[in-house]
PDB file of N, CA and C in Angstrom:
ATOM      1  N   MET A   1      13.963  -2.169   9.479  1.00  0.00           N
ATOM      2  CA  MET A   1      13.425  -1.848   8.285  1.00  0.00           C
ATOM      3  C   MET A   1      11.749  -1.994   8.821  1.00  0.00           C
ATOM      4  N   ILE A   2      10.874  -0.663   8.450  1.00  0.00           N
ATOM      5  CA  ILE A   2       9.875  -0.588   7.968  1.00  0.00           C
ATOM      6  C   ILE A   2       8.809  -1.470   7.160  1.00  0.00           C
ATOM      7  N   ILE A   3       7.614  -2.411   7.879  1.00  0.00           N
ATOM      8  CA  ILE A   3       6.547  -2.673   7.087  1.00  0.00           C
ATOM      9  C   ILE A   3       5.476  -1.899   7.221  1.00  0.00           C
ATOM     10  N   ILE A   4       4.542  -1.675   6.371  1.00  0.00           N
ATOM     11  CA  ILE A   4       3.352  -1.442   6.059  1.00  0.00           C
ATOM     12  C   ILE A   4       2.193  -2.095   5.333  1.00  0.00           C
ATOM     13  N   HIS A   5       1.408  -2.535   6.762  1.00  0.00           N
ATOM     14  CA  HIS A   5      -0.139  -3.346   5.740  1.00  0.00           C
ATOM     15  C   HIS A   5      -1.059  -2.278   5.653  1.00  0.00           C
ATOM     16  N   ALA A   6      -1.245  -2.075   3.706  1.00  0.00           N
ATOM     17  CA  ALA A   6      -2.942  -1.128   4.017  1.00  0.00           C
ATOM     18  C   ALA A   6      -3.680  -1.887   3.917  1.00  0.00           C
ATOM     19  N   GLY A   7      -5.233  -1.803   4.704  1.00  0.00           N
ATOM     20  CA  GLY A   7      -6.125  -3.339   3.969  1.00  0.00           C
ATOM     21  C   GLY A   7      -6.824  -2.032   2.744  1.00  0.00           C
ATOM     22  N   PHE A   8      -7.032  -2.272   1.656  1.00  0.00           N
ATOM     23  CA  PHE A   8      -8.716  -1.497   0.762  1.00  0.00           C
ATOM     24  C   PHE A   8      -9.641  -2.821   0.160  1.00  0.00           C
ATOM     25  N   GLN A   9     -10.946  -2.443   1.554  1.00  0.00           N
ATOM     26  CA  GLN A   9     -11.918  -2.845   0.842  1.00  0.00           C
ATOM     27  C   GLN A   9     -12.548  -1.422  -0.040  1.00  0.00           C
ATOM     28  N   VAL A  10     -12.896  -2.488  -1.564  1.00  0.00           N
ATOM     29  CA  VAL A  10     -13.096  -1.958  -2.675  1.00  0.00           C
ATOM     30  C   VAL A  10     -14.376  -2.135  -2.959  1.00  0.00           C
ATOM     31  N   GLN A  11     -15.234  -1.313  -3.615  1.00  0.00           N
ATOM     32  CA  GLN A  11     -16.480  -1.580  -4.405  1.00  0.00           C
ATOM     33  C   GLN A  11     -16.336  -2.504  -5.170  1.00  0.00           C
ATOM     34  N   THR A  12     -16.956  -2.823  -5.220  1.00  0.00           N
ATOM     35  CA  THR A  12     -17.058  -3.977  -6.392  1.00  0.00           C
ATOM     36  C   THR A  12     -17.235  -3.525  -7.832  1.00  0.00           C
ATOM     37  N   ASP A  13     -17.913  -2.764  -7.399  1.00  0.00           N
ATOM     38  CA  ASP A  13     -18.302  -2.081  -8.884  1.00  0.00           C
ATOM     39  C   ASP A  13     -17.399  -0.976  -9.905  1.00  0.00           C
ATOM     40  N   LYS A  14     -16.091  -0.468  -8.849  1.00  0.00           N
ATOM     41  CA  LYS A  14     -15.363   0.219  -9.106  1.00  0.00           C
ATOM     42  C   LYS A  14     -13.804  -0.934  -8.705  1.00  0.00           C
ATOM     43  N   GLU A  15     -13.946  -1.809  -8.886  1.00  0.00           N
ATOM     44  CA  GLU A  15     -12.505  -2.781  -8.786  1.00  0.00           C
ATOM     45  C   GLU A  15     -11.528  -2.696  -9.524  1.00  0.00           C
ATOM     46  N   ASN A  16     -12.355  -2.335 -11.174  1.00  0.00           N
ATOM     47  CA  ASN A  16     -11.520  -2.274 -12.218  1.00  0.00           C
ATOM     48  C   ASN A  16     -10.755  -1.015 -12.134  1.00  0.00           C
ATOM     49  N   ASP A  17     -11.388  -0.418 -12.138  1.00  0.00           N
ATOM     50  CA  ASP A  17     -10.947   1.515 -11.857  1.00  0.00           C
ATOM     51  C   ASP A  17     -10.116   1.686 -10.613  1.00  0.00           C
ATOM     52  N   PHE A  18     -10.339   1.257  -9.537  1.00  0.00           N
ATOM     53  CA  PHE A  18      -9.450   0.719  -8.721  1.00  0.00           C
ATOM     54  C   PHE A  18      -8.452  -0.049  -8.812  1.00  0.00           C
ATOM     55  N   LEU A  19      -7.828  -0.829  -9.718  1.00  0.00           N
ATOM     56  CA  LEU A  19      -6.884  -1.176 -10.104  1.00  0.00           C
ATOM     57  C   LEU A  19      -5.979  -0.270 -11.123  1.00  0.00           C
ATOM     58  N   ALA A  20      -6.766   0.457 -12.043  1.00  0.00           N
ATOM     59  CA  ALA A  20      -6.203   0.810 -13.063  1.00  0.00           C
ATOM     60  C   ALA A  20      -5.221   2.086 -12.846  1.00  0.00           C
ATOM     61  N   GLU A  21      -6.059   2.759 -11.239  1.00  0.00           N
ATOM     62  CA  GLU A  21      -5.419   3.717 -10.325  1.00  0.00           C
ATOM     63  C   GLU A  21      -4.134   3.565  -9.927  1.00  0.00           C
ATOM     64  N   ILE A  22      -4.431   2.070  -9.260  1.00  0.00           N
ATOM     65  CA  ILE A  22      -3.711   2.024  -7.929  1.00  0.00           C
ATOM     66  C   ILE A  22      -1.712   1.609  -9.381  1.00  0.00           C
ATOM     67  N   ARG A  23      -1.555   0.965 -10.237  1.00  0.00           N
ATOM     68  CA  ARG A  23      -0.756   0.341 -11.129  1.00  0.00           C
ATOM     69  C   ARG A  23       0.495   1.668 -10.885  1.00  0.00           C
ATOM     70  N   PRO A  24       0.239   2.707 -11.105  1.00  0.00           N
ATOM     71  CA  PRO A  24       0.426   3.384 -11.544  1.00  0.00           C
ATOM     72  C   PRO A  24       1.773   3.960  -9.838  1.00  0.00           C
ATOM     73  N   LEU A  25       0.642   3.941  -9.062  1.00  0.00           N
ATOM     74  CA  LEU A  25       1.698   4.223  -7.664  1.00  0.00           C
ATOM     75  C   LEU A  25       2.762   2.902  -7.114  1.00  0.00           C
ATOM     76  N   ILE A  26       2.261   1.804  -7.808  1.00  0.00           N
ATOM     77  CA  ILE A  26       2.810   0.093  -7.085  1.00  0.00           C
ATOM     78  C   ILE A  26       4.520   0.419  -7.996  1.00  0.00           C
ATOM     79  N   ASP A  27       3.997   0.776  -9.650  1.00  0.00           N
ATOM     80  CA  ASP A  27       5.508   0.808 -10.308  1.00  0.00           C
ATOM     81  C   ASP A  27       6.088   1.793  -9.921  1.00  0.00           C
ATOM     82  N   ALA A  28       5.451   3.334  -9.859  1.00  0.00           N
ATOM     83  CA  ALA A  28       6.349   4.438  -8.867  1.00  0.00           C
ATOM     84  C   ALA A  28       7.623   4.282  -7.436  1.00  0.00           C
ATOM     85  N   SER A  29       6.305   3.667  -6.727  1.00  0.00           N
ATOM     86  CA  SER A  29       6.732   3.107  -5.263  1.00  0.00           C
ATOM     87  C   SER A  29       7.716   2.299  -5.333  1.00  0.00           C
ATOM     88  N   ARG A  30       7.970   0.957  -6.245  1.00  0.00           N
ATOM     89  CA  ARG A  30       8.971   0.034  -6.410  1.00  0.00           C
ATOM     90  C   ARG A  30       9.874   1.027  -6.636  1.00  0.00           C
ATOM     91  N   ALA A  31      10.261   1.489  -7.261  1.00  0.00           N
ATOM     92  CA  ALA A  31      11.399   2.474  -8.140  1.00  0.00           C
ATOM     93  C   ALA A  31      12.288   3.285  -7.137  1.00  0.00           C
ATOM     94  N   GLU A  32      11.673   3.610  -6.225  1.00  0.00           N
ATOM     95  CA  GLU A  32      11.644   4.961  -5.434  1.00  0.00           C
ATOM     96  C   GLU A  32      12.984   4.185  -4.268  1.00  0.00           C
ATOM     97  N   GLU A  33      14.313   5.011  -4.000  1.00  0.00           N
ATOM     98  CA  GLU A  33      15.131   4.341  -2.929  1.00  0.00           C
ATOM     99  C   GLU A  33      14.427   4.656  -1.688  1.00  0.00           C
ATOM    100  N   GLY A  34      14.861   3.083  -1.058  1.00  0.00           N
ATOM    101  CA  GLY A  34      14.938   2.864  -0.090  1.00  0.00           C
ATOM    102  C   GLY A  34      13.504   1.870   0.129  1.00  0.00           C
ATOM    103  N   ASN A  35      13.188   1.423  -0.780  1.00  0.00           N
ATOM    104  CA  ASN A  35      12.338   0.690  -1.122  1.00  0.00           C
ATOM    105  C   ASN A  35      12.327  -0.970  -1.078  1.00  0.00           C
ATOM    106  N   ILE A  36      12.081  -1.667  -0.504  1.00  0.00           N
ATOM    107  CA  ILE A  36      12.372  -3.018  -0.882  1.00  0.00           C
ATOM    108  C   ILE A  36      11.526  -3.766  -0.862  1.00  0.00           C
ATOM    109  N   SER A  37       9.854  -3.856  -1.273  1.00  0.00           N
ATOM    110  CA  SER A  37       9.105  -4.542  -2.147  1.00  0.00           C
ATOM    111  C   SER A  37       7.790  -3.750  -1.566  1.00  0.00           C
ATOM    112  N   TYR A  38       6.895  -3.619  -2.970  1.00  0.00           N
ATOM    113  CA  TYR A  38       5.579  -2.868  -2.533  1.00  0.00           C
ATOM    114  C   TYR A  38       4.617  -3.811  -3.720  1.00  0.00           C
ATOM    115  N   ASP A  39       3.664  -4.779  -2.683  1.00  0.00           N
ATOM    116  CA  ASP A  39       2.794  -5.597  -3.500  1.00  0.00           C
ATOM    117  C   ASP A  39       1.652  -5.339  -2.927  1.00  0.00           C
ATOM    118  N   LEU A  40       0.949  -5.547  -3.851  1.00  0.00           N
ATOM    119  CA  LEU A  40      -0.871  -5.478  -3.528  1.00  0.00           C
ATOM    120  C   LEU A  40      -1.196  -6.936  -3.896  1.00  0.00           C
ATOM    121  N   LEU A  41      -1.844  -7.401  -2.727  1.00  0.00           N
ATOM    122  CA  LEU A  41      -2.849  -8.543  -2.436  1.00  0.00           C
ATOM    123  C   LEU A  41      -3.852  -8.558  -2.478  1.00  0.00           C
ATOM    124  N   LYS A  42      -4.587  -9.633  -3.274  1.00  0.00           N
ATOM    125  CA  LYS A  42      -5.977  -9.651  -3.145  1.00  0.00           C
ATOM    126  C   LYS A  42      -6.923 -11.103  -2.085  1.00  0.00           C
ATOM    127  N   ASP A  43      -7.319 -10.788  -1.393  1.00  0.00           N
ATOM    128  CA  ASP A  43      -7.583 -11.791  -0.602  1.00  0.00           C
ATOM    129  C   ASP A  43      -8.328 -12.609  -1.408  1.00  0.00           C
ATOM    130  N   THR A  44      -8.261 -14.111  -1.109  1.00  0.00           N
ATOM    131  CA  THR A  44      -9.360 -14.911  -1.704  1.00  0.00           C
ATOM    132  C   THR A  44     -10.161 -15.289  -1.631  1.00  0.00           C
ATOM    133  N   GLU A  45     -10.838 -14.556   0.288  1.00  0.00           N
ATOM    134  CA  GLU A  45     -12.227 -15.457   0.436  1.00  0.00           C
ATOM    135  C   GLU A  45     -13.044 -14.372   0.687  1.00  0.00           C
ATOM    136  N   LYS A  46     -12.475 -12.378   0.448  1.00  0.00           N
ATOM    137  CA  LYS A  46     -13.466 -11.782   0.544  1.00  0.00           C
ATOM    138  C   LYS A  46     -13.684 -10.486  -0.430  1.00  0.00           C
ATOM    139  N   GLU A  47     -14.440 -10.521  -1.236  1.00  0.00           N
ATOM    140  CA  GLU A  47     -14.835  -9.878  -2.489  1.00  0.00           C
ATOM    141  C   GLU A  47     -14.544  -8.412  -2.086  1.00  0.00           C
ATOM    142  N   GLY A  48     -13.832  -7.770  -3.285  1.00  0.00           N
ATOM    143  CA  GLY A  48     -12.782  -6.468  -3.124  1.00  0.00           C
ATOM    144  C   GLY A  48     -12.161  -6.391  -2.167  1.00  0.00           C
ATOM    145  N   SER A  49     -11.342  -7.077  -1.459  1.00  0.00           N
ATOM    146  CA  SER A  49     -10.466  -6.959  -0.272  1.00  0.00           C
ATOM    147  C   SER A  49      -9.362  -7.053  -0.645  1.00  0.00           C
ATOM    148  N   TYR A  50      -8.454  -5.899  -0.419  1.00  0.00           N
ATOM    149  CA  TYR A  50      -7.169  -6.204  -1.097  1.00  0.00           C
ATOM    150  C   TYR A  50      -6.082  -5.586  -0.137  1.00  0.00           C
ATOM    151  N   THR A  51      -4.876  -6.160   0.516  1.00  0.00           N
ATOM    152  CA  THR A  51      -3.777  -5.199   0.885  1.00  0.00           C
ATOM    153  C   THR A  51      -2.720  -4.986   0.436  1.00  0.00           C
ATOM    154  N   MET A  52      -2.210  -3.916   0.325  1.00  0.00           N
ATOM    155  CA  MET A  52      -0.464  -3.367  -0.146  1.00  0.00           C
ATOM    156  C   MET A  52       0.487  -3.883   1.640  1.00  0.00           C
ATOM    157  N   VAL A  53       1.499  -4.370   0.397  1.00  0.00           N
ATOM    158  CA  VAL A  53       2.100  -4.936   2.064  1.00  0.00           C
ATOM    159  C   VAL A  53       3.539  -4.013   0.948  1.00  0.00           C
ATOM    160  N   GLU A  54       3.981  -3.045   1.848  1.00  0.00           N
ATOM    161  CA  GLU A  54       5.529  -2.372   1.691  1.00  0.00           C
ATOM    162  C   GLU A  54       6.089  -2.773   2.634  1.00  0.00           C
ATOM    163  N   LEU A  55       7.825  -2.621   2.151  1.00  0.00           N
ATOM    164  CA  LEU A  55       8.805  -3.227   3.005  1.00  0.00           C
ATOM    165  C   LEU A  55       9.824  -2.310   2.260  1.00  0.00           C
ATOM    166  N   TRP A  56      10.202  -1.045   3.816  1.00  0.00           N
ATOM    167  CA  TRP A  56      10.956  -0.284   3.649  1.00  0.00           C
ATOM    168  C   TRP A  56      12.507  -0.056   4.226  1.00  0.00           C
ATOM    169  N   GLU A  57      13.034   0.580   3.672  1.00  0.00           N
ATOM    170  CA  GLU A  57      14.813   0.410   4.607  1.00  0.00           C
ATOM    171  C   GLU A  57      14.684   1.067   6.191  1.00  0.00           C
ATOM    172  N   ASP A  58      13.541   2.175   5.939  1.00  0.00           N
ATOM    173  CA  ASP A  58      13.708   2.721   7.237  1.00  0.00           C
ATOM    174  C   ASP A  58      12.827   4.092   7.327  1.00  0.00           C
ATOM    175  N   MET A  59      12.365   4.402   7.971  1.00  0.00           N
ATOM    176  CA  MET A  59      11.255   5.457   8.328  1.00  0.00           C
ATOM    177  C   MET A  59      11.528   6.800   7.349  1.00  0.00           C
ATOM    178  N   ASP A  60      12.300   7.157   7.025  1.00  0.00           N
ATOM    179  CA  ASP A  60      13.180   8.256   5.957  1.00  0.00           C
ATOM    180  C   ASP A  60      12.882   8.016   4.756  1.00  0.00           C
ATOM    181  N   ALA A  61      12.522   7.069   4.360  1.00  0.00           N
ATOM    182  CA  ALA A  61      12.452   6.305   2.571  1.00  0.00           C
ATOM    183  C   ALA A  61      10.814   6.047   3.446  1.00  0.00           C
ATOM    184  N   VAL A  62       9.822   6.053   4.010  1.00  0.00           N
ATOM    185  CA  VAL A  62       8.549   5.622   3.800  1.00  0.00           C
ATOM    186  C   VAL A  62       8.566   7.113   4.207  1.00  0.00           C
ATOM    187  N   LYS A  63       8.687   8.116   5.232  1.00  0.00           N
ATOM    188  CA  LYS A  63       8.369   9.971   5.075  1.00  0.00           C
ATOM    189  C   LYS A  63       8.272   9.885   4.085  1.00  0.00           C
ATOM    190  N   PHE A  64       9.673   9.948   3.208  1.00  0.00           N
ATOM    191  CA  PHE A  64       9.329  10.603   1.599  1.00  0.00           C
ATOM    192  C   PHE A  64       8.457  10.277   0.347  1.00  0.00           C
ATOM    193  N   HIS A  65       7.953   8.553   0.702  1.00  0.00           N
ATOM    194  CA  HIS A  65       7.511   7.919   0.158  1.00  0.00           C
ATOM    195  C   HIS A  65       5.788   8.618  -0.272  1.00  0.00           C
ATOM    196  N   ASN A  66       5.650   9.092   0.858  1.00  0.00           N
ATOM    197  CA  ASN A  66       4.138   9.751   1.298  1.00  0.00           C
ATOM    198  C   ASN A  66       4.355  11.202   1.103  1.00  0.00           C
ATOM    199  N   GLN A  67       5.297  12.080   1.013  1.00  0.00           N
ATOM    200  CA  GLN A  67       5.294  12.989  -0.287  1.00  0.00           C
ATOM    201  C   GLN A  67       5.287  13.065  -1.391  1.00  0.00           C
ATOM    202  N   THR A  68       5.428  11.940  -2.166  1.00  0.00           N
ATOM    203  CA  THR A  68       5.554  11.804  -4.048  1.00  0.00           C
ATOM    204  C   THR A  68       4.552  11.925  -4.377  1.00  0.00           C
ATOM    205  N   GLU A  69       4.496  12.418  -5.663  1.00  0.00           N
ATOM    206  CA  GLU A  69       3.218  12.879  -6.584  1.00  0.00           C
ATOM    207  C   GLU A  69       2.621  11.581  -6.702  1.00  0.00           C
ATOM    208  N   HIS A  70       3.444  10.621  -7.079  1.00  0.00           N
ATOM    209  CA  HIS A  70       2.522   9.047  -6.954  1.00  0.00           C
ATOM    210  C   HIS A  70       1.373   8.687  -5.709  1.00  0.00           C
ATOM    211  N   PHE A  71       2.205   9.173  -4.620  1.00  0.00           N
ATOM    212  CA  PHE A  71       1.252   8.561  -3.870  1.00  0.00           C
ATOM    213  C   PHE A  71       0.147  10.013  -2.777  1.00  0.00           C
ATOM    214  N   THR A  72       0.668  10.689  -3.262  1.00  0.00           N
ATOM    215  CA  THR A  72       0.104  11.799  -3.268  1.00  0.00           C
ATOM    216  C   THR A  72      -1.231  12.196  -4.189  1.00  0.00           C
ATOM    217  N   SER A  73      -1.283  11.938  -5.403  1.00  0.00           N
ATOM    218  CA  SER A  73      -2.165  12.013  -6.282  1.00  0.00           C
ATOM    219  C   SER A  73      -3.323  10.251  -5.997  1.00  0.00           C
ATOM    220  N   PHE A  74      -2.578   9.464  -5.610  1.00  0.00           N
ATOM    221  CA  PHE A  74      -3.411   8.314  -5.310  1.00  0.00           C
ATOM    222  C   PHE A  74      -4.289   8.741  -4.299  1.00  0.00           C
ATOM    223  N   THR A  75      -4.001   9.215  -3.326  1.00  0.00           N
ATOM    224  CA  THR A  75      -5.015   9.391  -1.857  1.00  0.00           C
ATOM    225  C   THR A  75      -5.593  10.219  -1.981  1.00  0.00           C
ATOM    226  N   ALA A  76      -5.549  11.241  -3.292  1.00  0.00           N
ATOM    227  CA  ALA A  76      -6.454  12.239  -3.501  1.00  0.00           C
ATOM    228  C   ALA A  76      -7.355  11.588  -4.126  1.00  0.00           C
ATOM    229  N   LYS A  77      -7.349  10.477  -5.177  1.00  0.00           N
ATOM    230  CA  LYS A  77      -8.413  10.039  -5.674  1.00  0.00           C
ATOM    231  C   LYS A  77      -9.154   8.711  -5.442  1.00  0.00           C
ATOM    232  N   ALA A  78      -8.219   7.560  -4.654  1.00  0.00           N
ATOM    233  CA  ALA A  78      -8.508   6.561  -3.856  1.00  0.00           C
ATOM    234  C   ALA A  78     -10.227   6.733  -3.087  1.00  0.00           C
ATOM    235  N   PRO A  79     -10.066   7.710  -2.635  1.00  0.00           N
ATOM    236  CA  PRO A  79     -11.479   7.304  -1.220  1.00  0.00           C
ATOM    237  C   PRO A  79     -12.564   7.237  -2.501  1.00  0.00           C
ATOM    238  N   GLN A  80     -12.904   7.650  -3.667  1.00  0.00           N
ATOM    239  CA  GLN A  80     -14.134   7.437  -4.845  1.00  0.00           C
ATOM    240  C   GLN A  80     -14.166   5.541  -4.572  1.00  0.00           C
ATOM    241  N   TYR A  81     -13.045   4.849  -4.534  1.00  0.00           N
ATOM    242  CA  TYR A  81     -13.370   3.293  -4.676  1.00  0.00           C
ATOM    243  C   TYR A  81     -13.808   2.589  -3.925  1.00  0.00           C
ATOM    244  N   PHE A  82     -12.949   2.925  -2.344  1.00  0.00           N
ATOM    245  CA  PHE A  82     -13.622   2.505  -1.211  1.00  0.00           C
ATOM    246  C   PHE A  82     -14.796   1.439  -0.267  1.00  0.00           C
ATOM    247  N   ALA A  83     -15.392   1.139  -0.307  1.00  0.00           N
ATOM    248  CA  ALA A  83     -16.596   0.802   0.831  1.00  0.00           C
ATOM    249  C   ALA A  83     -16.503   0.884   1.723  1.00  0.00           C
ATOM    250  N   ALA A  84     -15.434   1.510   2.684  1.00  0.00           N
ATOM    251  CA  ALA A  84     -14.991   1.430   3.861  1.00  0.00           C
ATOM    252  C   ALA A  84     -13.208   2.197   4.210  1.00  0.00           C
ATOM    253  N   PRO A  85     -12.928   2.769   4.855  1.00  0.00           N
ATOM    254  CA  PRO A  85     -12.158   3.546   4.920  1.00  0.00           C
ATOM    255  C   PRO A  85     -10.621   2.740   5.204  1.00  0.00           C
ATOM    256  N   PRO A  86      -9.665   2.995   5.361  1.00  0.00           N
ATOM    257  CA  PRO A  86      -8.367   1.908   4.444  1.00  0.00           C
ATOM    258  C   PRO A  86      -8.231   1.792   5.948  1.00  0.00           C
ATOM    259  N   GLN A  87      -7.704   0.271   6.132  1.00  0.00           N
ATOM    260  CA  GLN A  87      -6.893   0.241   7.674  1.00  0.00           C
ATOM    261  C   GLN A  87      -5.440  -0.134   7.542  1.00  0.00           C
ATOM    262  N   VAL A  88      -4.503   0.856   8.059  1.00  0.00           N
ATOM    263  CA  VAL A  88      -3.434   0.937   7.637  1.00  0.00           C
ATOM    264  C   VAL A  88      -2.035   0.228   9.277  1.00  0.00           C
ATOM    265  N   LYS A  89      -1.433  -0.697   9.056  1.00  0.00           N
ATOM    266  CA  LYS A  89      -0.867  -1.100  10.295  1.00  0.00           C
ATOM    267  C   LYS A  89       0.596  -0.867   9.991  1.00  0.00           C
ATOM    268  N   LEU A  90       1.478  -0.397  10.912  1.00  0.00           N
ATOM    269  CA  LEU A  90       3.144  -0.151  10.583  1.00  0.00           C
ATOM    270  C   LEU A  90       3.661  -0.964  11.493  1.00  0.00           C
ATOM    271  N   PHE A  91       4.939  -1.727  10.745  1.00  0.00           N
ATOM    272  CA  PHE A  91       5.461  -2.172  11.686  1.00  0.00           C
ATOM    273  C   PHE A  91       7.078  -1.800  12.041  1.00  0.00           C
ATOM    274  N   ASN A  92       7.676  -1.723  13.079  1.00  0.00           N
ATOM    275  CA  ASN A  92       8.975  -1.865  12.512  1.00  0.00           C
ATOM    276  C   ASN A  92       9.846  -3.111  12.798  1.00  0.00           C
ATOM    277  N   ALA A  93      10.004  -4.081  11.940  1.00  0.00           N
ATOM    278  CA  ALA A  93      10.548  -4.803  12.151  1.00  0.00           C
ATOM    279  C   ALA A  93      12.308  -5.202  12.969  1.00  0.00           C
ATOM    280  N   GLN A  94      12.414  -6.096  13.997  1.00  0.00           N
ATOM    281  CA  GLN A  94      13.274  -5.781  14.289  1.00  0.00           C
ATOM    282  C   GLN A  94      13.468  -7.574  14.245  1.00  0.00           C
ATOM    283  N   PRO A  95      14.841  -7.921  14.160  1.00  0.00           N
ATOM    284  CA  PRO A  95      15.156  -9.327  14.583  1.00  0.00           C
ATOM    285  C   PRO A  95      14.530 -10.328  15.497  1.00  0.00           C
ATOM    286  N   ALA A  96      14.039 -11.294  15.235  1.00  0.00           N
ATOM    287  CA  ALA A  96      13.486 -12.038  16.995  1.00  0.00           C
ATOM    288  C   ALA A  96      14.384 -12.877  17.765  1.00  0.00           C
ATOM    289  N   ASP A  97      14.650 -12.117  19.022  1.00  0.00           N
ATOM    290  CA  ASP A  97      15.416 -13.228  19.720  1.00  0.00           C
ATOM    291  C   ASP A  97      15.638 -14.567  19.666  1.00  0.00           C
ATOM    292  N   LYS A  98      16.511 -15.513  19.115  1.00  0.00           N
ATOM    293  CA  LYS A  98      16.454 -16.744  19.222  1.00  0.00           C
ATOM    294  C   LYS A  98      17.749 -17.128  20.479  1.00  0.00           C
ATOM    295  N   LYS A  99      16.498 -17.978  21.473  1.00  0.00           N
ATOM    296  CA  LYS A  99      17.693 -18.542  22.464  1.00  0.00           C
ATOM    297  C   LYS A  99      16.691 -19.772  22.485  1.00  0.00           C
TER     298      LYS A  99
END
């Protein structure tokens, strides 16, 4: 399983526009084959801070997702909402060894 954490620092005066723009991405991504979950979380302590937590079956699903119209459309428009560049971390999840 592939886990992605994409951190966004959104300009506070553009937060509503950001949320309206990202909603179609979330809905369409959740419907993709290979998607396990796709959730936008808002930081309760830092204003304008969000994290997209994505779970995918495998790297092929991620590669397909990154080429979809809903993803490329969002990524083309998203920079206008950001106060800083996104911070993306990718994890290849493996079960922990239980000894």
